[in-house]
N, C-alpha and C. Protein backbone atom coordinates (compact mmCIF):
# COMPACT_ATOMS: atom_id res chain seq x y z
N ARG A 1 35.07 -32.52 -17.87
CA ARG A 1 35.00 -31.51 -18.85
C ARG A 1 33.64 -31.87 -19.59
N GLN A 2 32.86 -33.34 -19.25
CA GLN A 2 31.09 -33.75 -19.22
C GLN A 2 30.60 -32.62 -18.21
N HIS A 3 31.23 -32.63 -17.34
CA HIS A 3 30.60 -31.72 -16.17
C HIS A 3 30.01 -30.47 -16.93
N HIS A 4 31.04 -29.40 -17.58
CA HIS A 4 30.89 -28.52 -17.99
C HIS A 4 29.93 -28.36 -19.06
N ARG A 5 29.89 -29.01 -19.84
CA ARG A 5 28.75 -29.65 -20.42
C ARG A 5 27.22 -29.68 -19.97
N LEU A 6 27.55 -30.06 -19.28
CA LEU A 6 26.07 -30.27 -18.31
C LEU A 6 25.71 -29.31 -17.74
N TRP A 7 26.46 -28.27 -16.74
CA TRP A 7 26.04 -26.76 -16.58
C TRP A 7 26.03 -25.75 -18.08
N GLY A 8 26.18 -25.96 -18.99
CA GLY A 8 25.49 -25.02 -20.38
C GLY A 8 24.89 -25.79 -20.49
N VAL A 9 24.04 -27.14 -20.53
CA VAL A 9 23.05 -27.72 -20.97
C VAL A 9 21.64 -27.03 -19.90
N ASN A 10 21.89 -27.32 -18.63
CA ASN A 10 21.32 -26.69 -17.57
C ASN A 10 20.90 -25.18 -17.67
N LEU A 11 21.81 -24.10 -18.47
CA LEU A 11 21.88 -23.19 -17.91
C LEU A 11 21.28 -22.16 -19.91
N VAL A 12 21.22 -23.33 -20.31
CA VAL A 12 20.50 -23.33 -21.92
C VAL A 12 18.72 -23.06 -21.23
N GLY A 13 18.62 -24.31 -20.75
CA GLY A 13 17.21 -24.97 -20.51
C GLY A 13 16.47 -24.06 -19.39
N PHE A 14 17.40 -23.30 -18.55
CA PHE A 14 17.01 -22.06 -18.08
C PHE A 14 16.61 -20.93 -18.43
N ALA A 15 17.25 -20.60 -19.08
CA ALA A 15 17.33 -19.51 -20.32
C ALA A 15 15.54 -19.73 -20.87
N ALA A 16 15.62 -20.38 -21.75
CA ALA A 16 14.54 -21.15 -22.63
C ALA A 16 13.08 -20.88 -21.77
N PHE A 17 12.97 -21.66 -20.00
CA PHE A 17 12.30 -21.60 -19.31
C PHE A 17 11.82 -19.72 -19.31
N LEU A 18 12.41 -19.32 -18.53
CA LEU A 18 12.76 -17.88 -18.37
C LEU A 18 11.68 -17.51 -19.22
N ILE A 19 12.02 -17.18 -21.08
CA ILE A 19 12.08 -16.79 -21.80
C ILE A 19 10.36 -16.96 -22.27
N PHE A 20 9.96 -18.08 -22.28
CA PHE A 20 9.19 -18.83 -23.10
C PHE A 20 8.31 -19.10 -21.81
N VAL A 21 8.64 -18.99 -20.38
CA VAL A 21 7.38 -19.33 -19.57
C VAL A 21 7.28 -18.28 -18.43
N ALA A 22 8.14 -18.36 -17.62
CA ALA A 22 8.35 -17.10 -16.66
C ALA A 22 7.60 -15.80 -16.45
N PHE A 23 8.54 -15.40 -18.34
CA PHE A 23 8.17 -13.65 -18.44
C PHE A 23 6.48 -14.04 -18.70
N PRO A 24 6.10 -14.89 -19.82
CA PRO A 24 4.53 -14.97 -20.41
C PRO A 24 3.53 -14.97 -18.96
N PHE A 25 4.10 -15.75 -18.30
CA PHE A 25 2.98 -16.23 -17.24
C PHE A 25 2.79 -14.89 -16.00
N SER A 26 4.44 -14.35 -16.08
CA SER A 26 4.12 -12.77 -15.61
C SER A 26 3.12 -11.68 -15.80
N HIS A 27 3.18 -11.87 -16.69
CA HIS A 27 2.32 -10.61 -17.25
C HIS A 27 0.46 -11.52 -17.26
N LEU A 28 0.53 -12.43 -17.50
CA LEU A 28 -1.19 -13.17 -16.89
C LEU A 28 -1.25 -12.56 -15.24
N VAL A 29 -0.45 -12.75 -14.63
CA VAL A 29 -0.12 -13.06 -13.37
C VAL A 29 -0.61 -11.36 -13.31
N ASP A 30 0.23 -10.56 -13.93
CA ASP A 30 -0.14 -9.01 -13.59
C ASP A 30 -1.42 -8.77 -13.70
N LEU A 31 -1.99 -9.48 -15.18
CA LEU A 31 -3.28 -8.87 -15.53
C LEU A 31 -4.51 -9.26 -14.38
N GLU A 32 -4.19 -10.27 -13.80
CA GLU A 32 -5.36 -10.93 -13.24
C GLU A 32 -5.20 -10.14 -11.71
N ARG A 33 -4.48 -9.93 -10.96
CA ARG A 33 -3.92 -9.26 -9.60
C ARG A 33 -3.52 -7.73 -9.46
N GLN A 34 -2.58 -7.65 -10.18
CA GLN A 34 -2.43 -5.68 -10.68
C GLN A 34 -2.99 -5.09 -11.00
N LEU A 35 -3.04 -5.29 -12.23
CA LEU A 35 -4.23 -3.86 -13.06
C LEU A 35 -5.43 -3.61 -12.94
N PRO A 36 -6.43 -4.76 -11.92
CA PRO A 36 -7.48 -4.05 -10.91
C PRO A 36 -7.25 -3.49 -9.82
N LEU A 37 -6.59 -3.63 -9.40
CA LEU A 37 -5.87 -2.30 -8.05
C LEU A 37 -4.81 -1.50 -9.07
N ARG A 38 -4.58 -1.20 -10.05
CA ARG A 38 -3.53 -0.18 -10.37
C ARG A 38 -5.36 0.77 -11.23
N GLN A 39 -5.91 -0.14 -11.29
CA GLN A 39 -7.58 0.72 -11.99
C GLN A 39 -8.27 1.37 -10.73
N MET A 40 -8.53 0.34 -9.80
CA MET A 40 -8.79 1.04 -8.65
C MET A 40 -8.53 2.63 -8.08
N ALA A 41 -7.01 2.27 -8.17
CA ALA A 41 -6.20 3.20 -7.41
C ALA A 41 -6.61 4.54 -8.66
N GLN A 42 -6.38 4.61 -9.29
CA GLN A 42 -6.44 5.49 -10.89
C GLN A 42 -8.07 6.02 -10.27
N ALA A 43 -8.70 5.30 -9.87
CA ALA A 43 -10.40 6.02 -9.76
C ALA A 43 -10.05 7.03 -8.80
N VAL A 44 -9.61 6.13 -7.50
CA VAL A 44 -9.65 6.47 -6.66
C VAL A 44 -9.38 8.14 -6.83
N ASN A 45 -7.80 8.42 -7.04
CA ASN A 45 -6.74 9.78 -7.50
C ASN A 45 -7.88 10.39 -8.34
N GLN A 46 -8.65 10.11 -8.97
CA GLN A 46 -9.43 11.12 -9.88
C GLN A 46 -10.66 11.66 -9.08
N VAL A 47 -11.17 11.13 -8.06
CA VAL A 47 -12.73 11.65 -7.68
C VAL A 47 -12.57 11.66 -5.64
N ARG A 48 -11.11 11.38 -5.30
CA ARG A 48 -11.03 11.21 -4.08
C ARG A 48 -10.53 13.17 -3.99
N GLN A 49 -11.39 13.51 -2.74
CA GLN A 49 -10.91 15.12 -2.32
C GLN A 49 -10.50 14.79 -1.27
N PRO A 50 -9.61 16.27 -1.45
CA PRO A 50 -8.89 16.65 -0.31
C PRO A 50 -9.19 16.28 1.07
N GLY A 51 -8.47 15.55 1.74
CA GLY A 51 -8.67 15.57 3.19
C GLY A 51 -9.70 14.48 3.39
N GLU A 52 -10.00 13.69 2.64
CA GLU A 52 -10.96 12.28 2.58
C GLU A 52 -9.67 11.17 3.08
N GLU A 53 -10.72 10.51 3.85
CA GLU A 53 -9.74 9.23 3.97
C GLU A 53 -9.84 8.27 3.20
N LEU A 54 -9.05 7.34 2.45
CA LEU A 54 -9.31 6.41 2.22
C LEU A 54 -9.59 5.06 2.93
N VAL A 55 -10.75 4.53 3.05
CA VAL A 55 -10.72 2.65 3.37
C VAL A 55 -11.26 1.40 2.55
N MET A 56 -10.37 0.76 2.66
CA MET A 56 -10.43 -0.50 2.06
C MET A 56 -10.72 -1.59 2.78
N LEU A 57 -12.30 -1.85 2.07
CA LEU A 57 -12.67 -3.33 3.35
C LEU A 57 -11.81 -4.83 2.67
N SER A 58 -11.59 -5.47 3.39
CA SER A 58 -10.67 -6.75 2.77
C SER A 58 -11.04 -7.84 3.63
N ARG A 59 -11.38 -8.98 2.65
CA ARG A 59 -11.57 -10.12 3.58
C ARG A 59 -10.74 -10.85 4.58
N GLY A 60 -9.37 -10.67 4.23
CA GLY A 60 -8.07 -11.18 4.42
C GLY A 60 -7.14 -9.94 4.47
N PHE A 61 -5.88 -10.52 3.70
CA PHE A 61 -4.56 -9.67 3.70
C PHE A 61 -4.85 -8.53 3.14
N PRO A 62 -4.05 -7.42 3.47
CA PRO A 62 -4.48 -6.19 3.55
C PRO A 62 -3.95 -5.84 1.83
N LYS A 63 -3.56 -4.85 1.02
CA LYS A 63 -3.47 -5.31 -0.04
C LYS A 63 -2.42 -3.89 -0.34
N PRO A 64 -1.56 -3.86 0.18
CA PRO A 64 -0.61 -3.01 0.59
C PRO A 64 0.15 -2.34 -1.08
N SER A 65 -0.26 -3.17 -2.01
CA SER A 65 0.02 -2.32 -3.76
C SER A 65 -1.02 -1.63 -3.79
N LEU A 66 -2.55 -1.33 -3.44
CA LEU A 66 -3.28 0.12 -3.14
C LEU A 66 -2.45 1.35 -2.95
N VAL A 67 -1.60 1.07 -1.31
CA VAL A 67 -1.06 2.37 -1.25
C VAL A 67 0.38 2.77 -2.11
N PHE A 68 1.05 2.05 -2.42
CA PHE A 68 1.93 2.12 -3.27
C PHE A 68 1.29 2.58 -5.22
N TYR A 69 0.14 2.96 -5.52
CA TYR A 69 -0.58 3.04 -6.42
C TYR A 69 -1.21 4.15 -6.31
N THR A 70 -1.94 4.39 -5.26
CA THR A 70 -2.30 5.64 -4.83
C THR A 70 -1.83 6.65 -4.00
N GLN A 71 -0.21 6.60 -3.90
CA GLN A 71 0.99 7.33 -3.43
C GLN A 71 -0.15 7.95 -1.67
N GLN A 72 -1.31 7.25 -1.40
CA GLN A 72 -2.08 7.94 -0.14
C GLN A 72 -2.03 6.74 0.76
N PRO A 73 -2.14 7.00 2.36
CA PRO A 73 -2.24 6.27 3.17
C PRO A 73 -3.68 5.78 3.20
N VAL A 74 -3.63 4.31 3.50
CA VAL A 74 -5.26 3.54 3.34
C VAL A 74 -5.17 3.16 4.79
N THR A 75 -6.96 2.88 5.44
CA THR A 75 -6.86 2.37 6.94
C THR A 75 -8.05 1.17 5.78
N TYR A 76 -6.91 0.22 6.27
CA TYR A 76 -7.82 -1.23 6.05
C TYR A 76 -8.25 -1.80 7.21
N ILE A 77 -10.15 -2.18 6.74
CA ILE A 77 -10.92 -2.98 7.90
C ILE A 77 -11.09 -4.42 7.63
N LEU A 78 -10.97 -4.97 8.57
CA LEU A 78 -11.24 -6.73 7.76
C LEU A 78 -12.89 -6.85 8.02
N ARG A 79 -13.28 -7.18 6.68
CA ARG A 79 -15.01 -7.77 6.48
C ARG A 79 -15.09 -8.73 8.16
N SER A 80 -15.72 -8.36 8.65
CA SER A 80 -16.44 -8.75 9.85
C SER A 80 -18.19 -8.42 10.03
N SER A 81 -18.83 -8.83 11.31
CA SER A 81 -20.22 -8.30 11.37
C SER A 81 -19.91 -6.63 12.56
N ARG A 82 -18.40 -6.62 12.72
CA ARG A 82 -18.35 -5.01 13.43
C ARG A 82 -17.91 -3.98 12.40
N THR A 83 -17.80 -4.55 11.10
CA THR A 83 -17.44 -3.27 9.76
C THR A 83 -18.19 -2.68 9.99
N LEU A 84 -20.06 -2.60 9.55
CA LEU A 84 -20.14 -1.49 10.29
C LEU A 84 -20.38 0.24 10.86
N PRO A 85 -19.67 -0.90 12.20
CA PRO A 85 -19.94 0.44 13.14
C PRO A 85 -18.83 1.12 13.07
N LYS A 86 -17.42 0.56 12.50
CA LYS A 86 -16.23 0.98 12.33
C LYS A 86 -16.45 2.32 11.21
N ILE A 87 -17.07 1.70 9.99
CA ILE A 87 -17.70 2.88 9.23
C ILE A 87 -18.01 3.89 9.64
N GLN A 88 -18.83 3.99 10.17
CA GLN A 88 -19.72 5.05 11.01
C GLN A 88 -19.04 5.75 11.65
N LYS A 89 -17.80 5.09 12.51
CA LYS A 89 -17.06 5.41 13.59
C LYS A 89 -15.78 6.95 12.77
N ILE A 90 -15.71 6.17 11.43
CA ILE A 90 -14.79 6.98 10.45
C ILE A 90 -15.02 7.80 9.48
N LEU A 91 -16.96 7.72 9.10
CA LEU A 91 -17.29 8.71 8.69
C LEU A 91 -17.82 9.53 9.81
N SER A 92 -17.62 9.58 11.27
CA SER A 92 -18.25 10.57 12.08
C SER A 92 -17.40 11.54 12.83
């Protein structure tokens, strides 16, 4: 019987954690990480001309969410000493 009470207490504690910690924290994470990408995607969709290639320079992990928010293919280039020649090749 006490075993069932323990499950109930754990369930209530987990629900309180989700309501008061996890959900508000997910909003902060969205503001810090996804909002700038959504804003950039919106700007890209407003100014991009038909036939233009969308290229993103990245210092590490490519951002697949940019593809999701723009609904366009994105060419990712890792930043390095060879970045400028790659960009010139794409532009020509």
